[in-house]
Amino acid sequence: MVVCAMDASSGSLSIGELEAKYPLYCKALRILIRDGKDEVHARRTLCWSRLETLHRSLPQHYRDPQYLYLMLRRQVEAPLDAKSDAG
């Protein structure tokens, strides 16, 4: 079993625990993007750190957080682009 070391306040989480919360980490990243946070700010968050741990541990199953950030930003900004094109 692979265990990921976290800071003292969160203890340590297993990869299984990280995998179970993957949708939550993606949602948190999407909220950061929606709130206008840039990649530099997102990199300093717990969700980025945990997504990075998943990617390092299981790269065949989980994308790099930077890739996720870019894809989610494109999804979040797409409705805005469509509205400005329609006008």
N, C-alpha and C. Protein backbone atom coordinates (compact mmCIF):
# COMPACT_ATOMS: atom_id res chain seq x y z
N MET A 1 0.84 -1.18 0.00
CA MET A 1 0.00 0.00 0.00
C MET A 1 0.89 1.24 0.00
N VAL A 2 0.56 2.19 -0.84
CA VAL A 2 1.30 3.44 -0.92
C VAL A 2 0.63 4.45 -0.01
N VAL A 3 1.40 5.11 0.82
CA VAL A 3 0.87 6.13 1.71
C VAL A 3 1.51 7.44 1.35
N CYS A 4 0.69 8.46 1.30
CA CYS A 4 1.19 9.78 0.96
C CYS A 4 1.29 10.59 2.24
N ALA A 5 2.44 11.17 2.49
CA ALA A 5 2.62 11.97 3.70
C ALA A 5 2.04 13.36 3.50
N MET A 6 1.24 13.75 4.44
CA MET A 6 0.66 15.09 4.42
C MET A 6 1.14 15.84 5.66
N ASP A 7 0.76 17.08 5.78
CA ASP A 7 1.19 17.85 6.94
C ASP A 7 0.54 17.31 8.21
N ALA A 8 1.01 17.77 9.34
CA ALA A 8 0.57 17.23 10.63
C ALA A 8 -0.92 17.41 10.86
N SER A 9 -1.51 18.46 10.33
CA SER A 9 -2.93 18.72 10.58
C SER A 9 -3.83 17.73 9.86
N SER A 10 -3.39 17.17 8.75
CA SER A 10 -4.25 16.24 8.02
C SER A 10 -3.81 14.79 8.17
N GLY A 11 -2.70 14.55 8.88
CA GLY A 11 -2.21 13.18 9.03
C GLY A 11 -1.72 12.66 7.70
N SER A 12 -1.87 11.36 7.48
CA SER A 12 -1.48 10.81 6.19
C SER A 12 -2.68 10.14 5.56
N LEU A 13 -2.72 10.19 4.26
CA LEU A 13 -3.83 9.61 3.51
C LEU A 13 -3.30 8.54 2.59
N SER A 14 -4.03 7.47 2.47
CA SER A 14 -3.66 6.43 1.52
C SER A 14 -4.08 6.85 0.12
N ILE A 15 -3.52 6.20 -0.86
CA ILE A 15 -3.90 6.49 -2.25
C ILE A 15 -5.39 6.20 -2.44
N GLY A 16 -5.89 5.16 -1.80
CA GLY A 16 -7.32 4.84 -1.90
C GLY A 16 -8.19 5.98 -1.38
N GLU A 17 -7.76 6.60 -0.28
CA GLU A 17 -8.52 7.73 0.26
C GLU A 17 -8.45 8.93 -0.69
N LEU A 18 -7.27 9.14 -1.28
CA LEU A 18 -7.13 10.23 -2.25
C LEU A 18 -8.00 9.96 -3.47
N GLU A 19 -8.00 8.72 -3.94
CA GLU A 19 -8.81 8.37 -5.11
C GLU A 19 -10.30 8.59 -4.83
N ALA A 20 -10.74 8.25 -3.64
CA ALA A 20 -12.15 8.40 -3.28
C ALA A 20 -12.57 9.87 -3.31
N LYS A 21 -11.64 10.77 -3.04
CA LYS A 21 -11.96 12.20 -2.99
C LYS A 21 -11.56 12.94 -4.27
N TYR A 22 -11.13 12.23 -5.28
CA TYR A 22 -10.72 12.85 -6.54
C TYR A 22 -11.77 13.81 -7.11
N PRO A 23 -13.04 13.41 -7.16
CA PRO A 23 -14.05 14.37 -7.69
C PRO A 23 -14.12 15.65 -6.87
N LEU A 24 -13.92 15.54 -5.57
CA LEU A 24 -13.94 16.71 -4.70
C LEU A 24 -12.77 17.65 -5.01
N TYR A 25 -11.59 17.07 -5.25
CA TYR A 25 -10.42 17.90 -5.58
C TYR A 25 -10.62 18.60 -6.91
N CYS A 26 -11.22 17.90 -7.88
CA CYS A 26 -11.50 18.53 -9.18
C CYS A 26 -12.52 19.65 -9.02
N LYS A 27 -13.51 19.43 -8.19
CA LYS A 27 -14.52 20.46 -7.95
C LYS A 27 -13.89 21.68 -7.30
N ALA A 28 -13.00 21.46 -6.34
CA ALA A 28 -12.31 22.58 -5.69
C ALA A 28 -11.48 23.36 -6.71
N LEU A 29 -10.81 22.65 -7.60
CA LEU A 29 -10.02 23.31 -8.63
C LEU A 29 -10.92 24.12 -9.56
N ARG A 30 -12.07 23.56 -9.92
CA ARG A 30 -13.02 24.27 -10.77
C ARG A 30 -13.52 25.56 -10.08
N ILE A 31 -13.77 25.48 -8.79
CA ILE A 31 -14.22 26.67 -8.04
C ILE A 31 -13.13 27.73 -8.02
N LEU A 32 -11.89 27.32 -7.83
CA LEU A 32 -10.79 28.28 -7.87
C LEU A 32 -10.75 29.00 -9.21
N ILE A 33 -10.91 28.25 -10.27
CA ILE A 33 -10.90 28.83 -11.62
C ILE A 33 -12.08 29.76 -11.80
N ARG A 34 -13.25 29.31 -11.40
CA ARG A 34 -14.45 30.14 -11.51
C ARG A 34 -14.29 31.46 -10.76
N ASP A 35 -13.59 31.40 -9.62
CA ASP A 35 -13.36 32.60 -8.81
C ASP A 35 -12.22 33.47 -9.33
N GLY A 36 -11.64 33.07 -10.46
CA GLY A 36 -10.62 33.90 -11.10
C GLY A 36 -9.20 33.70 -10.59
N LYS A 37 -8.94 32.61 -9.87
CA LYS A 37 -7.59 32.36 -9.36
C LYS A 37 -6.70 31.85 -10.49
N ASP A 38 -5.49 32.38 -10.55
CA ASP A 38 -4.57 31.95 -11.61
C ASP A 38 -3.86 30.66 -11.18
N GLU A 39 -3.08 30.11 -12.10
CA GLU A 39 -2.42 28.83 -11.85
C GLU A 39 -1.43 28.92 -10.68
N VAL A 40 -0.77 30.05 -10.54
CA VAL A 40 0.20 30.22 -9.45
C VAL A 40 -0.52 30.07 -8.11
N HIS A 41 -1.68 30.70 -7.98
CA HIS A 41 -2.45 30.58 -6.75
C HIS A 41 -2.96 29.15 -6.56
N ALA A 42 -3.43 28.54 -7.61
CA ALA A 42 -3.97 27.18 -7.53
C ALA A 42 -2.90 26.19 -7.10
N ARG A 43 -1.67 26.40 -7.53
CA ARG A 43 -0.58 25.49 -7.17
C ARG A 43 -0.30 25.46 -5.67
N ARG A 44 -0.71 26.50 -4.95
CA ARG A 44 -0.46 26.57 -3.52
C ARG A 44 -1.59 25.96 -2.68
N THR A 45 -2.55 25.32 -3.33
CA THR A 45 -3.70 24.78 -2.60
C THR A 45 -3.55 23.30 -2.27
N LEU A 46 -4.32 22.87 -1.30
CA LEU A 46 -4.33 21.47 -0.89
C LEU A 46 -4.85 20.58 -2.02
N CYS A 47 -5.87 21.05 -2.73
CA CYS A 47 -6.42 20.21 -3.81
C CYS A 47 -5.36 19.96 -4.88
N TRP A 48 -4.56 20.96 -5.23
CA TRP A 48 -3.50 20.79 -6.23
C TRP A 48 -2.48 19.76 -5.72
N SER A 49 -2.10 19.89 -4.47
CA SER A 49 -1.13 18.97 -3.88
C SER A 49 -1.63 17.53 -3.93
N ARG A 50 -2.88 17.33 -3.63
CA ARG A 50 -3.42 15.98 -3.63
C ARG A 50 -3.61 15.44 -5.04
N LEU A 51 -3.98 16.30 -5.98
CA LEU A 51 -4.07 15.88 -7.38
C LEU A 51 -2.68 15.52 -7.91
N GLU A 52 -1.69 16.27 -7.48
CA GLU A 52 -0.31 16.00 -7.88
C GLU A 52 0.16 14.65 -7.32
N THR A 53 -0.19 14.36 -6.09
CA THR A 53 0.17 13.08 -5.48
C THR A 53 -0.47 11.92 -6.24
N LEU A 54 -1.74 12.08 -6.60
CA LEU A 54 -2.40 11.03 -7.38
C LEU A 54 -1.72 10.83 -8.72
N HIS A 55 -1.38 11.92 -9.38
CA HIS A 55 -0.73 11.83 -10.69
C HIS A 55 0.64 11.15 -10.57
N ARG A 56 1.41 11.53 -9.56
CA ARG A 56 2.73 10.91 -9.37
C ARG A 56 2.61 9.43 -9.04
N SER A 57 1.60 9.07 -8.26
CA SER A 57 1.45 7.67 -7.84
C SER A 57 0.84 6.80 -8.92
N LEU A 58 -0.12 7.35 -9.65
CA LEU A 58 -0.84 6.58 -10.68
C LEU A 58 -0.99 7.41 -11.95
N PRO A 59 0.12 7.70 -12.64
CA PRO A 59 0.05 8.59 -13.80
C PRO A 59 -0.79 8.04 -14.95
N GLN A 60 -0.98 6.73 -15.00
CA GLN A 60 -1.80 6.15 -16.06
C GLN A 60 -3.29 6.39 -15.81
N HIS A 61 -3.66 6.75 -14.58
CA HIS A 61 -5.07 6.96 -14.25
C HIS A 61 -5.43 8.42 -14.00
N TYR A 62 -4.46 9.22 -13.56
CA TYR A 62 -4.76 10.60 -13.18
C TYR A 62 -3.84 11.57 -13.91
N ARG A 63 -4.45 12.60 -14.47
CA ARG A 63 -3.71 13.61 -15.23
C ARG A 63 -2.93 14.54 -14.31
N ASP A 64 -1.95 15.19 -14.90
CA ASP A 64 -1.17 16.21 -14.21
C ASP A 64 -2.12 17.35 -13.83
N PRO A 65 -1.99 17.91 -12.62
CA PRO A 65 -2.88 19.01 -12.21
C PRO A 65 -2.83 20.21 -13.16
N GLN A 66 -1.67 20.45 -13.76
CA GLN A 66 -1.56 21.57 -14.69
C GLN A 66 -2.47 21.33 -15.90
N TYR A 67 -2.47 20.11 -16.40
CA TYR A 67 -3.35 19.76 -17.52
C TYR A 67 -4.81 19.91 -17.10
N LEU A 68 -5.15 19.42 -15.91
CA LEU A 68 -6.52 19.56 -15.41
C LEU A 68 -6.91 21.02 -15.29
N TYR A 69 -6.00 21.84 -14.78
CA TYR A 69 -6.27 23.27 -14.63
C TYR A 69 -6.60 23.89 -15.99
N LEU A 70 -5.79 23.58 -16.99
CA LEU A 70 -6.01 24.16 -18.32
C LEU A 70 -7.33 23.69 -18.92
N MET A 71 -7.63 22.39 -18.77
CA MET A 71 -8.88 21.85 -19.32
C MET A 71 -10.10 22.42 -18.59
N LEU A 72 -10.04 22.49 -17.28
CA LEU A 72 -11.16 23.03 -16.51
C LEU A 72 -11.34 24.52 -16.79
N ARG A 73 -10.23 25.24 -16.94
CA ARG A 73 -10.33 26.67 -17.25
C ARG A 73 -11.01 26.87 -18.60
N ARG A 74 -10.68 26.02 -19.55
CA ARG A 74 -11.31 26.10 -20.87
C ARG A 74 -12.81 25.84 -20.75
N GLN A 75 -13.21 24.85 -19.94
CA GLN A 75 -14.63 24.54 -19.75
C GLN A 75 -15.36 25.68 -19.05
N VAL A 76 -14.73 26.24 -18.03
CA VAL A 76 -15.36 27.32 -17.27
C VAL A 76 -15.51 28.57 -18.13
N GLU A 77 -14.51 28.87 -18.95
CA GLU A 77 -14.53 30.08 -19.78
C GLU A 77 -15.34 29.92 -21.05
N ALA A 78 -15.60 28.70 -21.49
CA ALA A 78 -16.33 28.46 -22.74
C ALA A 78 -17.71 29.10 -22.75
N PRO A 79 -18.53 28.97 -21.71
CA PRO A 79 -19.84 29.63 -21.75
C PRO A 79 -19.73 31.15 -21.87
N LEU A 80 -18.69 31.73 -21.27
CA LEU A 80 -18.49 33.17 -21.38
C LEU A 80 -18.16 33.56 -22.81
N ASP A 81 -17.31 32.77 -23.47
CA ASP A 81 -16.95 33.04 -24.86
C ASP A 81 -18.17 32.93 -25.78
N ALA A 82 -19.03 31.94 -25.53
CA ALA A 82 -20.21 31.74 -26.37
C ALA A 82 -21.17 32.92 -26.24
N LYS A 83 -21.30 33.46 -25.03
CA LYS A 83 -22.19 34.60 -24.83
C LYS A 83 -21.67 35.83 -25.55
N SER A 84 -20.35 36.05 -25.51
CA SER A 84 -19.79 37.24 -26.14
C SER A 84 -19.85 37.12 -27.67
N ASP A 85 -19.76 35.91 -28.20
CA ASP A 85 -19.86 35.70 -29.65
C ASP A 85 -21.29 35.90 -30.13
N ALA A 86 -22.27 35.58 -29.31
CA ALA A 86 -23.68 35.65 -29.71
C ALA A 86 -24.15 37.10 -29.79
N GLY A 87 -23.49 37.98 -29.04
CA GLY A 87 -23.96 39.36 -28.92
C GLY A 87 -23.63 40.24 -30.02
